[in-house]
Amino acid sequence: MIRLAISVEGPTEEEFVKNVLADYLWGIGVYPTPILLGRARGRADGGNVSMDRLVAEMAYLLRSFDAVTSFVDFYGFSGKGDKTVDDLEKDMTRQMRKKLGRRWYPEKVFPYVQQYEFEGLLFSNVDAFVNAIDASEDSVEELRSIRVRFPTPEDINDNSETAPSKRIVKIITQYDKRLYGPLIAMEIGLETIRTECPRFSGWMTRLESLTSKD
């Protein structure tokens, strides 16, 4: 059994881990615990994502867990400047290695930043909005027209005004991230999300590999 801590950005990601990832990971011997960023050190309950905060939090969590990762959005990541999502992960990995010294094992401690944000995953199958949120067919068709313009759901983001969540709220005004995000993801299913979102699937592959590193 691998006890996995996942430092998450907010309640939406927390519920996604509990209700979508957990059932699958339990089946392969990985037991994930989502922890709002900062909560482990008693300094916050999510939000305000930055490299320094994530590195400090993940290092602290390693005291109590067998493996540690993160699940936060690239959109809104503080201080990222011109860095890509891959740049951020590489920089955090270097900082983790320096901070942990001999306690650092790359197969057990690795950051993950979602490109561009959680809502991108929901474009894996926009038909799920009908059952999960009672969206109209016209609304779903608008979401579908957005999806087909991008290679994958993870590529959906032009600027701060057209991030996945902004697009959804503009079309479906009743969308509430915390309430409906995890429900829609459950309706879509983990297998479909992985098929449509290669970067996310790569993270899942690393989580799956934890059992072989025990």
N, C-alpha and C. Protein backbone atom coordinates (compact mmCIF):
# COMPACT_ATOMS: atom_id res chain seq x y z
N MET A 1 0.84 -1.20 0.00
CA MET A 1 0.00 0.00 0.00
C MET A 1 0.88 1.25 0.00
N ILE A 2 0.59 2.17 -0.88
CA ILE A 2 1.31 3.43 -0.96
C ILE A 2 0.40 4.56 -0.47
N ARG A 3 0.82 5.26 0.54
CA ARG A 3 0.07 6.42 1.04
C ARG A 3 0.54 7.65 0.27
N LEU A 4 -0.36 8.19 -0.53
CA LEU A 4 -0.03 9.30 -1.42
C LEU A 4 -0.69 10.59 -0.96
N ALA A 5 0.09 11.64 -0.77
CA ALA A 5 -0.46 12.96 -0.48
C ALA A 5 -0.50 13.76 -1.78
N ILE A 6 -1.62 14.41 -2.04
CA ILE A 6 -1.75 15.27 -3.22
C ILE A 6 -2.08 16.67 -2.74
N SER A 7 -1.14 17.59 -2.91
CA SER A 7 -1.38 18.99 -2.55
C SER A 7 -2.24 19.62 -3.64
N VAL A 8 -3.46 20.01 -3.28
CA VAL A 8 -4.41 20.50 -4.27
C VAL A 8 -4.68 21.99 -4.08
N GLU A 9 -5.12 22.61 -5.18
CA GLU A 9 -5.33 24.06 -5.18
C GLU A 9 -6.57 24.48 -4.43
N GLY A 10 -7.64 23.71 -4.55
CA GLY A 10 -8.90 24.12 -3.94
C GLY A 10 -9.86 22.96 -3.76
N PRO A 11 -11.08 23.26 -3.27
CA PRO A 11 -12.08 22.23 -3.00
C PRO A 11 -12.48 21.41 -4.24
N THR A 12 -12.45 22.03 -5.42
CA THR A 12 -12.82 21.31 -6.64
C THR A 12 -11.85 20.17 -6.89
N GLU A 13 -10.55 20.48 -6.83
CA GLU A 13 -9.54 19.44 -7.03
C GLU A 13 -9.59 18.41 -5.90
N GLU A 14 -9.90 18.87 -4.70
CA GLU A 14 -10.02 17.97 -3.56
C GLU A 14 -11.12 16.94 -3.82
N GLU A 15 -12.28 17.40 -4.27
CA GLU A 15 -13.39 16.50 -4.54
C GLU A 15 -13.10 15.59 -5.75
N PHE A 16 -12.38 16.12 -6.73
CA PHE A 16 -12.02 15.32 -7.90
C PHE A 16 -11.14 14.14 -7.48
N VAL A 17 -10.19 14.39 -6.60
CA VAL A 17 -9.34 13.30 -6.12
C VAL A 17 -10.17 12.27 -5.36
N LYS A 18 -11.04 12.75 -4.48
CA LYS A 18 -11.83 11.85 -3.65
C LYS A 18 -12.83 11.03 -4.46
N ASN A 19 -13.46 11.66 -5.46
CA ASN A 19 -14.59 11.02 -6.14
C ASN A 19 -14.27 10.43 -7.51
N VAL A 20 -13.14 10.81 -8.08
CA VAL A 20 -12.79 10.30 -9.40
C VAL A 20 -11.51 9.47 -9.37
N LEU A 21 -10.46 10.02 -8.79
CA LEU A 21 -9.18 9.31 -8.78
C LEU A 21 -9.12 8.19 -7.75
N ALA A 22 -9.70 8.42 -6.59
CA ALA A 22 -9.50 7.50 -5.46
C ALA A 22 -9.93 6.07 -5.76
N ASP A 23 -11.13 5.88 -6.31
CA ASP A 23 -11.62 4.53 -6.56
C ASP A 23 -10.66 3.73 -7.44
N TYR A 24 -10.15 4.39 -8.47
CA TYR A 24 -9.23 3.71 -9.37
C TYR A 24 -7.90 3.42 -8.67
N LEU A 25 -7.34 4.41 -7.99
CA LEU A 25 -6.04 4.23 -7.37
C LEU A 25 -6.07 3.21 -6.24
N TRP A 26 -7.17 3.18 -5.49
CA TRP A 26 -7.29 2.17 -4.44
C TRP A 26 -7.14 0.76 -5.02
N GLY A 27 -7.69 0.57 -6.21
CA GLY A 27 -7.65 -0.74 -6.85
C GLY A 27 -6.26 -1.22 -7.20
N ILE A 28 -5.30 -0.29 -7.27
CA ILE A 28 -3.93 -0.69 -7.59
C ILE A 28 -2.99 -0.49 -6.40
N GLY A 29 -3.57 -0.24 -5.23
CA GLY A 29 -2.77 -0.16 -4.03
C GLY A 29 -2.19 1.20 -3.70
N VAL A 30 -2.76 2.24 -4.30
CA VAL A 30 -2.33 3.62 -3.99
C VAL A 30 -3.49 4.33 -3.29
N TYR A 31 -3.24 4.88 -2.11
CA TYR A 31 -4.29 5.50 -1.32
C TYR A 31 -4.07 7.01 -1.25
N PRO A 32 -4.77 7.77 -2.11
CA PRO A 32 -4.54 9.22 -2.20
C PRO A 32 -5.29 10.01 -1.13
N THR A 33 -4.61 11.02 -0.60
CA THR A 33 -5.24 11.95 0.33
C THR A 33 -5.04 13.36 -0.21
N PRO A 34 -6.11 14.01 -0.67
CA PRO A 34 -5.97 15.40 -1.14
C PRO A 34 -5.89 16.35 0.05
N ILE A 35 -4.95 17.27 0.00
CA ILE A 35 -4.78 18.22 1.09
C ILE A 35 -4.66 19.62 0.50
N LEU A 36 -5.56 20.50 0.90
CA LEU A 36 -5.55 21.86 0.38
C LEU A 36 -4.21 22.53 0.65
N LEU A 37 -3.69 23.21 -0.34
CA LEU A 37 -2.38 23.84 -0.25
C LEU A 37 -2.28 24.73 0.98
N GLY A 38 -1.29 24.47 1.80
CA GLY A 38 -1.07 25.24 3.02
C GLY A 38 -1.68 24.64 4.27
N ARG A 39 -2.67 23.78 4.10
CA ARG A 39 -3.37 23.26 5.28
C ARG A 39 -2.46 22.38 6.15
N ALA A 40 -1.60 21.60 5.52
CA ALA A 40 -0.74 20.70 6.29
C ALA A 40 0.13 21.47 7.28
N ARG A 41 0.53 22.68 6.89
CA ARG A 41 1.37 23.50 7.76
C ARG A 41 0.54 24.52 8.55
N GLY A 42 -0.78 24.42 8.43
CA GLY A 42 -1.66 25.30 9.19
C GLY A 42 -1.61 26.75 8.78
N ARG A 43 -1.31 27.00 7.47
CA ARG A 43 -1.11 28.38 7.04
C ARG A 43 -2.13 28.86 6.01
N ALA A 44 -2.95 27.96 5.48
CA ALA A 44 -3.94 28.36 4.48
C ALA A 44 -4.82 27.17 4.16
N ASP A 45 -5.86 27.42 3.41
CA ASP A 45 -6.75 26.37 2.93
C ASP A 45 -6.89 26.47 1.42
N GLY A 46 -5.78 26.34 0.72
CA GLY A 46 -5.82 26.36 -0.74
C GLY A 46 -5.62 27.76 -1.31
N GLY A 47 -5.55 27.80 -2.64
CA GLY A 47 -5.39 29.06 -3.34
C GLY A 47 -3.98 29.61 -3.22
N ASN A 48 -3.76 30.78 -3.86
CA ASN A 48 -2.48 31.46 -3.83
C ASN A 48 -1.33 30.50 -4.18
N VAL A 49 -1.44 29.88 -5.34
CA VAL A 49 -0.46 28.87 -5.75
C VAL A 49 0.83 29.53 -6.22
N SER A 50 1.94 29.12 -5.62
CA SER A 50 3.24 29.61 -6.03
C SER A 50 4.26 28.49 -5.88
N MET A 51 5.39 28.65 -6.52
CA MET A 51 6.41 27.62 -6.45
C MET A 51 6.92 27.42 -5.04
N ASP A 52 7.21 28.51 -4.34
CA ASP A 52 7.74 28.41 -2.98
C ASP A 52 6.77 27.70 -2.06
N ARG A 53 5.49 28.03 -2.17
CA ARG A 53 4.49 27.41 -1.29
C ARG A 53 4.34 25.92 -1.59
N LEU A 54 4.33 25.57 -2.87
CA LEU A 54 4.19 24.17 -3.23
C LEU A 54 5.38 23.34 -2.78
N VAL A 55 6.57 23.85 -3.00
CA VAL A 55 7.78 23.12 -2.60
C VAL A 55 7.78 22.91 -1.09
N ALA A 56 7.49 23.96 -0.32
CA ALA A 56 7.47 23.85 1.14
C ALA A 56 6.41 22.86 1.60
N GLU A 57 5.24 22.92 0.97
CA GLU A 57 4.15 22.03 1.38
C GLU A 57 4.46 20.57 1.07
N MET A 58 4.98 20.32 -0.13
CA MET A 58 5.27 18.94 -0.51
C MET A 58 6.38 18.35 0.36
N ALA A 59 7.38 19.15 0.69
CA ALA A 59 8.46 18.68 1.56
C ALA A 59 7.91 18.34 2.95
N TYR A 60 7.00 19.15 3.43
CA TYR A 60 6.40 18.91 4.74
C TYR A 60 5.56 17.63 4.72
N LEU A 61 4.79 17.44 3.66
CA LEU A 61 3.91 16.26 3.57
C LEU A 61 4.70 14.96 3.51
N LEU A 62 5.91 15.01 2.96
CA LEU A 62 6.70 13.80 2.84
C LEU A 62 7.03 13.19 4.20
N ARG A 63 6.90 13.97 5.26
CA ARG A 63 7.16 13.45 6.59
C ARG A 63 6.13 12.37 6.99
N SER A 64 4.92 12.48 6.40
CA SER A 64 3.83 11.61 6.84
C SER A 64 3.31 10.67 5.76
N PHE A 65 3.84 10.79 4.53
CA PHE A 65 3.34 9.97 3.43
C PHE A 65 4.49 9.28 2.70
N ASP A 66 4.14 8.23 1.97
CA ASP A 66 5.15 7.50 1.20
C ASP A 66 5.51 8.21 -0.09
N ALA A 67 4.59 8.97 -0.63
CA ALA A 67 4.81 9.69 -1.89
C ALA A 67 4.00 10.97 -1.87
N VAL A 68 4.47 11.95 -2.63
CA VAL A 68 3.81 13.26 -2.65
C VAL A 68 3.80 13.81 -4.07
N THR A 69 2.67 14.39 -4.45
CA THR A 69 2.56 15.08 -5.73
C THR A 69 1.67 16.30 -5.54
N SER A 70 1.36 16.99 -6.62
CA SER A 70 0.48 18.16 -6.54
C SER A 70 -0.54 18.09 -7.68
N PHE A 71 -1.59 18.87 -7.53
CA PHE A 71 -2.61 18.97 -8.58
C PHE A 71 -3.14 20.40 -8.53
N VAL A 72 -2.48 21.29 -9.28
CA VAL A 72 -2.83 22.71 -9.29
C VAL A 72 -2.90 23.19 -10.74
N ASP A 73 -3.53 24.33 -10.95
CA ASP A 73 -3.70 24.87 -12.30
C ASP A 73 -2.52 25.76 -12.71
N PHE A 74 -2.18 25.70 -13.98
CA PHE A 74 -1.20 26.62 -14.56
C PHE A 74 -1.79 28.02 -14.62
N TYR A 75 -3.07 28.09 -14.99
CA TYR A 75 -3.77 29.38 -15.03
C TYR A 75 -3.84 29.93 -13.61
N GLY A 76 -3.33 31.10 -13.40
CA GLY A 76 -3.36 31.70 -12.07
C GLY A 76 -2.18 31.35 -11.18
N PHE A 77 -1.25 30.55 -11.70
CA PHE A 77 -0.06 30.21 -10.92
C PHE A 77 0.76 31.48 -10.71
N SER A 78 0.98 31.83 -9.46
CA SER A 78 1.63 33.10 -9.13
C SER A 78 3.11 33.09 -9.49
N GLY A 79 3.56 34.18 -10.13
CA GLY A 79 4.98 34.35 -10.41
C GLY A 79 5.55 33.47 -11.50
N LYS A 80 4.70 32.93 -12.35
CA LYS A 80 5.22 32.03 -13.38
C LYS A 80 5.89 32.77 -14.53
N GLY A 81 5.57 34.07 -14.71
CA GLY A 81 6.19 34.84 -15.76
C GLY A 81 5.99 34.21 -17.13
N ASP A 82 7.08 34.05 -17.86
CA ASP A 82 7.01 33.47 -19.20
C ASP A 82 7.25 31.96 -19.21
N LYS A 83 7.33 31.36 -18.06
CA LYS A 83 7.60 29.93 -17.99
C LYS A 83 6.42 29.11 -18.48
N THR A 84 6.72 28.02 -19.14
CA THR A 84 5.69 27.08 -19.55
C THR A 84 5.34 26.19 -18.37
N VAL A 85 4.31 25.39 -18.55
CA VAL A 85 3.93 24.46 -17.49
C VAL A 85 5.05 23.46 -17.22
N ASP A 86 5.74 23.04 -18.28
CA ASP A 86 6.86 22.11 -18.11
C ASP A 86 8.03 22.78 -17.38
N ASP A 87 8.26 24.05 -17.70
CA ASP A 87 9.32 24.80 -17.01
C ASP A 87 9.06 24.85 -15.52
N LEU A 88 7.81 25.12 -15.15
CA LEU A 88 7.46 25.21 -13.74
C LEU A 88 7.72 23.89 -13.03
N GLU A 89 7.30 22.80 -13.64
CA GLU A 89 7.50 21.49 -13.01
C GLU A 89 8.99 21.17 -12.86
N LYS A 90 9.77 21.50 -13.87
CA LYS A 90 11.21 21.24 -13.80
C LYS A 90 11.86 22.09 -12.70
N ASP A 91 11.46 23.35 -12.60
CA ASP A 91 12.02 24.22 -11.57
C ASP A 91 11.65 23.73 -10.18
N MET A 92 10.39 23.29 -10.02
CA MET A 92 9.97 22.78 -8.72
C MET A 92 10.71 21.50 -8.37
N THR A 93 10.93 20.67 -9.36
CA THR A 93 11.67 19.43 -9.11
C THR A 93 13.08 19.72 -8.64
N ARG A 94 13.73 20.70 -9.27
CA ARG A 94 15.08 21.08 -8.85
C ARG A 94 15.08 21.61 -7.41
N GLN A 95 14.07 22.42 -7.09
CA GLN A 95 14.00 22.96 -5.74
C GLN A 95 13.71 21.87 -4.72
N MET A 96 12.85 20.92 -5.09
CA MET A 96 12.55 19.81 -4.19
C MET A 96 13.81 18.99 -3.93
N ARG A 97 14.58 18.75 -4.97
CA ARG A 97 15.80 17.96 -4.81
C ARG A 97 16.77 18.66 -3.86
N LYS A 98 16.89 19.97 -4.01
CA LYS A 98 17.80 20.74 -3.15
C LYS A 98 17.30 20.75 -1.71
N LYS A 99 16.00 20.92 -1.53
CA LYS A 99 15.43 21.04 -0.19
C LYS A 99 15.47 19.71 0.57
N LEU A 100 15.19 18.62 -0.13
CA LEU A 100 15.09 17.33 0.54
C LEU A 100 16.42 16.59 0.66
N GLY A 101 17.37 16.92 -0.19
CA GLY A 101 18.66 16.24 -0.11
C GLY A 101 18.53 14.74 -0.28
N ARG A 102 19.02 13.99 0.69
CA ARG A 102 18.99 12.53 0.58
C ARG A 102 17.60 11.94 0.73
N ARG A 103 16.65 12.75 1.14
CA ARG A 103 15.26 12.26 1.24
C ARG A 103 14.52 12.36 -0.10
N TRP A 104 15.16 12.93 -1.11
CA TRP A 104 14.50 13.15 -2.40
C TRP A 104 14.64 11.94 -3.30
N TYR A 105 13.49 11.43 -3.72
CA TYR A 105 13.44 10.35 -4.70
C TYR A 105 12.47 10.78 -5.79
N PRO A 106 12.95 10.97 -7.02
CA PRO A 106 12.09 11.52 -8.08
C PRO A 106 10.87 10.66 -8.40
N GLU A 107 10.95 9.37 -8.12
CA GLU A 107 9.81 8.51 -8.40
C GLU A 107 8.75 8.59 -7.31
N LYS A 108 9.09 9.23 -6.18
CA LYS A 108 8.14 9.34 -5.07
C LYS A 108 7.71 10.77 -4.78
N VAL A 109 8.44 11.74 -5.29
CA VAL A 109 8.12 13.15 -5.05
C VAL A 109 8.17 13.90 -6.37
N PHE A 110 7.00 14.27 -6.88
CA PHE A 110 6.98 14.94 -8.18
C PHE A 110 5.78 15.88 -8.28
N PRO A 111 6.03 17.12 -8.71
CA PRO A 111 4.93 18.09 -8.85
C PRO A 111 4.15 17.83 -10.14
N TYR A 112 2.90 18.22 -10.13
CA TYR A 112 2.10 18.19 -11.36
C TYR A 112 1.28 19.47 -11.42
N VAL A 113 1.37 20.14 -12.57
CA VAL A 113 0.60 21.35 -12.83
C VAL A 113 -0.29 21.10 -14.02
N GLN A 114 -1.59 21.29 -13.84
CA GLN A 114 -2.55 21.03 -14.92
C GLN A 114 -2.54 22.17 -15.94
N GLN A 115 -2.39 21.83 -17.19
CA GLN A 115 -2.48 22.82 -18.27
C GLN A 115 -3.88 22.76 -18.88
N TYR A 116 -4.59 23.88 -18.94
CA TYR A 116 -4.29 25.15 -18.29
C TYR A 116 -4.98 25.25 -16.92
N GLU A 117 -6.09 24.56 -16.82
CA GLU A 117 -6.77 24.50 -15.54
C GLU A 117 -7.70 23.29 -15.52
N PHE A 118 -8.22 23.01 -14.34
CA PHE A 118 -9.06 21.83 -14.14
C PHE A 118 -10.18 21.74 -15.17
N GLU A 119 -10.83 22.87 -15.46
CA GLU A 119 -11.98 22.85 -16.37
C GLU A 119 -11.65 22.35 -17.77
N GLY A 120 -10.38 22.42 -18.15
CA GLY A 120 -10.00 21.88 -19.45
C GLY A 120 -10.36 20.41 -19.56
N LEU A 121 -10.21 19.67 -18.46
CA LEU A 121 -10.52 18.24 -18.46
C LEU A 121 -11.99 17.99 -18.79
N LEU A 122 -12.85 18.93 -18.45
CA LEU A 122 -14.29 18.75 -18.65
C LEU A 122 -14.68 18.81 -20.12
N PHE A 123 -13.79 19.30 -20.96
CA PHE A 123 -14.04 19.32 -22.39
C PHE A 123 -13.72 17.97 -23.03
N SER A 124 -13.35 16.98 -22.23
CA SER A 124 -13.07 15.64 -22.75
C SER A 124 -14.33 15.02 -23.36
N ASN A 125 -15.47 15.37 -22.79
CA ASN A 125 -16.76 14.92 -23.36
C ASN A 125 -17.83 15.90 -22.89
N VAL A 126 -18.12 16.89 -23.69
CA VAL A 126 -19.04 17.95 -23.26
C VAL A 126 -20.48 17.46 -23.14
N ASP A 127 -20.80 16.30 -23.69
CA ASP A 127 -22.15 15.76 -23.51
C ASP A 127 -22.45 15.50 -22.04
N ALA A 128 -21.42 15.33 -21.23
CA ALA A 128 -21.61 15.06 -19.81
C ALA A 128 -22.29 16.23 -19.09
N PHE A 129 -22.22 17.43 -19.66
CA PHE A 129 -22.87 18.58 -19.04
C PHE A 129 -24.38 18.43 -19.00
N VAL A 130 -24.94 17.67 -19.91
CA VAL A 130 -26.39 17.49 -19.96
C VAL A 130 -26.88 16.76 -18.72
N ASN A 131 -26.28 15.63 -18.40
CA ASN A 131 -26.71 14.85 -17.25
C ASN A 131 -26.27 15.43 -15.92
N ALA A 132 -25.07 16.00 -15.89
CA ALA A 132 -24.52 16.46 -14.61
C ALA A 132 -25.04 17.82 -14.17
N ILE A 133 -25.37 18.66 -15.13
CA ILE A 133 -25.74 20.03 -14.79
C ILE A 133 -27.03 20.47 -15.48
N ASP A 134 -27.65 19.54 -16.21
CA ASP A 134 -28.88 19.82 -16.93
C ASP A 134 -28.71 20.97 -17.92
N ALA A 135 -27.58 20.95 -18.61
CA ALA A 135 -27.31 21.99 -19.61
C ALA A 135 -28.16 21.75 -20.86
N SER A 136 -28.50 22.80 -21.56
CA SER A 136 -29.30 22.67 -22.77
C SER A 136 -28.45 22.13 -23.93
N GLU A 137 -29.11 21.58 -24.90
CA GLU A 137 -28.39 21.05 -26.07
C GLU A 137 -27.66 22.18 -26.80
N ASP A 138 -28.26 23.37 -26.82
CA ASP A 138 -27.60 24.50 -27.48
C ASP A 138 -26.30 24.86 -26.76
N SER A 139 -26.34 24.82 -25.43
CA SER A 139 -25.14 25.12 -24.65
C SER A 139 -24.05 24.10 -24.92
N VAL A 140 -24.43 22.84 -24.96
CA VAL A 140 -23.47 21.78 -25.22
C VAL A 140 -22.87 21.92 -26.61
N GLU A 141 -23.68 22.33 -27.55
CA GLU A 141 -23.18 22.52 -28.91
C GLU A 141 -22.16 23.66 -28.96
N GLU A 142 -22.39 24.70 -28.16
CA GLU A 142 -21.41 25.78 -28.09
C GLU A 142 -20.09 25.29 -27.50
N LEU A 143 -20.18 24.46 -26.46
CA LEU A 143 -18.98 23.89 -25.86
C LEU A 143 -18.26 22.99 -26.87
N ARG A 144 -19.04 22.23 -27.60
CA ARG A 144 -18.46 21.34 -28.61
C ARG A 144 -17.73 22.13 -29.69
N SER A 145 -18.27 23.28 -30.07
CA SER A 145 -17.63 24.09 -31.10
C SER A 145 -16.30 24.64 -30.62
N ILE A 146 -16.17 24.85 -29.30
CA ILE A 146 -14.89 25.27 -28.73
C ILE A 146 -13.90 24.11 -28.76
N ARG A 147 -14.37 22.96 -28.30
CA ARG A 147 -13.48 21.79 -28.21
C ARG A 147 -12.83 21.44 -29.55
N VAL A 148 -13.58 21.48 -30.63
CA VAL A 148 -13.06 21.02 -31.92
C VAL A 148 -12.00 21.97 -32.49
N ARG A 149 -11.86 23.16 -31.90
CA ARG A 149 -10.87 24.10 -32.40
C ARG A 149 -9.48 23.87 -31.81
N PHE A 150 -9.36 22.92 -30.88
CA PHE A 150 -8.10 22.67 -30.21
C PHE A 150 -7.70 21.20 -30.34
N PRO A 151 -6.40 20.93 -30.40
CA PRO A 151 -5.94 19.55 -30.54
C PRO A 151 -6.41 18.64 -29.40
N THR A 152 -6.34 19.15 -28.17
CA THR A 152 -6.80 18.40 -27.01
C THR A 152 -7.49 19.36 -26.05
N PRO A 153 -8.28 18.86 -25.10
CA PRO A 153 -8.89 19.75 -24.11
C PRO A 153 -7.86 20.56 -23.32
N GLU A 154 -6.68 20.01 -23.15
CA GLU A 154 -5.64 20.69 -22.38
C GLU A 154 -5.04 21.89 -23.11
N ASP A 155 -5.35 22.03 -24.38
CA ASP A 155 -4.85 23.17 -25.16
C ASP A 155 -5.80 24.35 -25.15
N ILE A 156 -6.94 24.21 -24.51
CA ILE A 156 -7.96 25.26 -24.54
C ILE A 156 -7.58 26.40 -23.61
N ASN A 157 -7.02 27.46 -24.17
CA ASN A 157 -6.74 28.68 -23.43
C ASN A 157 -6.09 29.67 -24.39
N ASP A 158 -6.70 30.79 -24.61
CA ASP A 158 -6.12 31.83 -25.47
C ASP A 158 -5.52 32.94 -24.62
N ASN A 159 -6.23 33.35 -23.59
CA ASN A 159 -5.75 34.37 -22.66
C ASN A 159 -6.60 34.31 -21.40
N SER A 160 -6.39 35.24 -20.51
CA SER A 160 -7.08 35.20 -19.22
C SER A 160 -8.60 35.31 -19.34
N GLU A 161 -9.08 35.80 -20.46
CA GLU A 161 -10.53 35.95 -20.65
C GLU A 161 -11.16 34.72 -21.29
N THR A 162 -10.31 33.83 -21.81
CA THR A 162 -10.87 32.66 -22.51
C THR A 162 -10.34 31.35 -21.96
N ALA A 163 -9.97 31.34 -20.69
CA ALA A 163 -9.59 30.09 -20.04
C ALA A 163 -10.80 29.17 -20.01
N PRO A 164 -10.62 27.86 -19.87
CA PRO A 164 -11.74 26.93 -19.91
C PRO A 164 -12.90 27.30 -18.99
N SER A 165 -12.59 27.69 -17.74
CA SER A 165 -13.67 28.03 -16.82
C SER A 165 -14.44 29.26 -17.28
N LYS A 166 -13.72 30.24 -17.83
CA LYS A 166 -14.39 31.45 -18.30
C LYS A 166 -15.32 31.13 -19.47
N ARG A 167 -14.89 30.24 -20.33
CA ARG A 167 -15.72 29.84 -21.47
C ARG A 167 -16.99 29.13 -21.00
N ILE A 168 -16.83 28.25 -20.03
CA ILE A 168 -17.98 27.49 -19.54
C ILE A 168 -19.00 28.42 -18.89
N VAL A 169 -18.54 29.29 -18.01
CA VAL A 169 -19.45 30.19 -17.29
C VAL A 169 -20.18 31.13 -18.25
N LYS A 170 -19.50 31.54 -19.29
CA LYS A 170 -20.13 32.42 -20.26
C LYS A 170 -21.29 31.74 -20.98
N ILE A 171 -21.17 30.44 -21.19
CA ILE A 171 -22.19 29.68 -21.91
C ILE A 171 -23.23 29.10 -20.96
N ILE A 172 -22.78 28.60 -19.82
CA ILE A 172 -23.67 27.97 -18.83
C ILE A 172 -23.52 28.76 -17.53
N THR A 173 -24.37 29.75 -17.35
CA THR A 173 -24.20 30.69 -16.24
C THR A 173 -24.36 30.04 -14.87
N GLN A 174 -25.07 28.91 -14.80
CA GLN A 174 -25.28 28.26 -13.51
C GLN A 174 -24.10 27.39 -13.09
N TYR A 175 -23.08 27.32 -13.94
CA TYR A 175 -21.93 26.47 -13.60
C TYR A 175 -21.24 27.01 -12.37
N ASP A 176 -21.06 26.15 -11.40
CA ASP A 176 -20.31 26.45 -10.18
C ASP A 176 -19.20 25.42 -10.08
N LYS A 177 -17.95 25.90 -10.08
CA LYS A 177 -16.80 25.02 -10.15
C LYS A 177 -16.81 23.95 -9.06
N ARG A 178 -16.96 24.38 -7.84
CA ARG A 178 -16.88 23.44 -6.72
C ARG A 178 -18.02 22.43 -6.74
N LEU A 179 -19.21 22.89 -7.08
CA LEU A 179 -20.38 22.01 -7.06
C LEU A 179 -20.43 21.08 -8.27
N TYR A 180 -20.23 21.64 -9.45
CA TYR A 180 -20.46 20.86 -10.66
C TYR A 180 -19.20 20.26 -11.30
N GLY A 181 -18.04 20.86 -11.05
CA GLY A 181 -16.83 20.36 -11.69
C GLY A 181 -16.59 18.88 -11.46
N PRO A 182 -16.53 18.43 -10.20
CA PRO A 182 -16.31 17.00 -9.94
C PRO A 182 -17.44 16.12 -10.47
N LEU A 183 -18.69 16.61 -10.42
CA LEU A 183 -19.81 15.82 -10.92
C LEU A 183 -19.69 15.58 -12.42
N ILE A 184 -19.32 16.61 -13.15
CA ILE A 184 -19.15 16.47 -14.60
C ILE A 184 -17.99 15.52 -14.90
N ALA A 185 -16.91 15.64 -14.14
CA ALA A 185 -15.77 14.74 -14.33
C ALA A 185 -16.16 13.29 -14.07
N MET A 186 -16.98 13.06 -13.04
CA MET A 186 -17.46 11.71 -12.75
C MET A 186 -18.30 11.18 -13.89
N GLU A 187 -19.14 12.05 -14.46
CA GLU A 187 -19.99 11.66 -15.58
C GLU A 187 -19.15 11.30 -16.80
N ILE A 188 -18.08 12.05 -17.03
CA ILE A 188 -17.20 11.77 -18.17
C ILE A 188 -16.46 10.46 -17.97
N GLY A 189 -15.92 10.27 -16.80
CA GLY A 189 -15.16 9.07 -16.48
C GLY A 189 -13.67 9.24 -16.70
N LEU A 190 -12.90 8.61 -15.82
CA LEU A 190 -11.45 8.75 -15.84
C LEU A 190 -10.84 8.24 -17.14
N GLU A 191 -11.35 7.15 -17.66
CA GLU A 191 -10.78 6.58 -18.88
C GLU A 191 -10.88 7.55 -20.05
N THR A 192 -12.04 8.19 -20.21
CA THR A 192 -12.21 9.15 -21.30
C THR A 192 -11.32 10.36 -21.11
N ILE A 193 -11.22 10.85 -19.89
CA ILE A 193 -10.37 12.00 -19.62
C ILE A 193 -8.93 11.68 -19.98
N ARG A 194 -8.48 10.50 -19.63
CA ARG A 194 -7.11 10.11 -19.95
C ARG A 194 -6.89 9.99 -21.46
N THR A 195 -7.87 9.48 -22.15
CA THR A 195 -7.75 9.33 -23.60
C THR A 195 -7.64 10.69 -24.28
N GLU A 196 -8.41 11.66 -23.79
CA GLU A 196 -8.47 12.98 -24.41
C GLU A 196 -7.36 13.93 -23.94
N CYS A 197 -6.82 13.68 -22.77
CA CYS A 197 -5.87 14.62 -22.16
C CYS A 197 -4.53 13.93 -21.89
N PRO A 198 -3.62 13.95 -22.85
CA PRO A 198 -2.37 13.20 -22.72
C PRO A 198 -1.48 13.64 -21.57
N ARG A 199 -1.48 14.92 -21.27
CA ARG A 199 -0.61 15.37 -20.18
C ARG A 199 -1.12 14.86 -18.84
N PHE A 200 -2.40 14.95 -18.63
CA PHE A 200 -3.02 14.41 -17.43
C PHE A 200 -2.79 12.91 -17.35
N SER A 201 -2.92 12.24 -18.47
CA SER A 201 -2.71 10.79 -18.49
C SER A 201 -1.28 10.43 -18.11
N GLY A 202 -0.32 11.27 -18.53
CA GLY A 202 1.06 11.04 -18.16
C GLY A 202 1.26 11.10 -16.66
N TRP A 203 0.56 12.04 -16.01
CA TRP A 203 0.61 12.14 -14.55
C TRP A 203 0.03 10.87 -13.92
N MET A 204 -1.10 10.41 -14.45
CA MET A 204 -1.72 9.19 -13.94
C MET A 204 -0.77 8.00 -14.08
N THR A 205 -0.04 7.95 -15.16
CA THR A 205 0.93 6.86 -15.35
C THR A 205 1.99 6.88 -14.26
N ARG A 206 2.42 8.07 -13.88
CA ARG A 206 3.40 8.18 -12.79
C ARG A 206 2.78 7.73 -11.47
N LEU A 207 1.51 8.05 -11.25
CA LEU A 207 0.85 7.60 -10.03
C LEU A 207 0.73 6.07 -10.02
N GLU A 208 0.41 5.51 -11.17
CA GLU A 208 0.32 4.05 -11.28
C GLU A 208 1.66 3.38 -11.00
N SER A 209 2.74 4.04 -11.38
CA SER A 209 4.06 3.44 -11.22
C SER A 209 4.53 3.41 -9.77
N LEU A 210 3.84 4.11 -8.88
CA LEU A 210 4.25 4.15 -7.48
C LEU A 210 4.29 2.77 -6.86
N THR A 211 3.39 1.90 -7.26
CA THR A 211 3.36 0.56 -6.66
C THR A 211 4.57 -0.26 -7.04
N SER A 212 5.16 0.02 -8.19
CA SER A 212 6.34 -0.74 -8.63
C SER A 212 7.61 -0.21 -7.99
N LYS A 213 7.51 0.94 -7.31
CA LYS A 213 8.68 1.54 -6.68
C LYS A 213 8.71 1.26 -5.17
N ASP A 214 7.68 0.58 -4.70
CA ASP A 214 7.57 0.37 -3.24
C ASP A 214 8.72 -0.53 -2.74
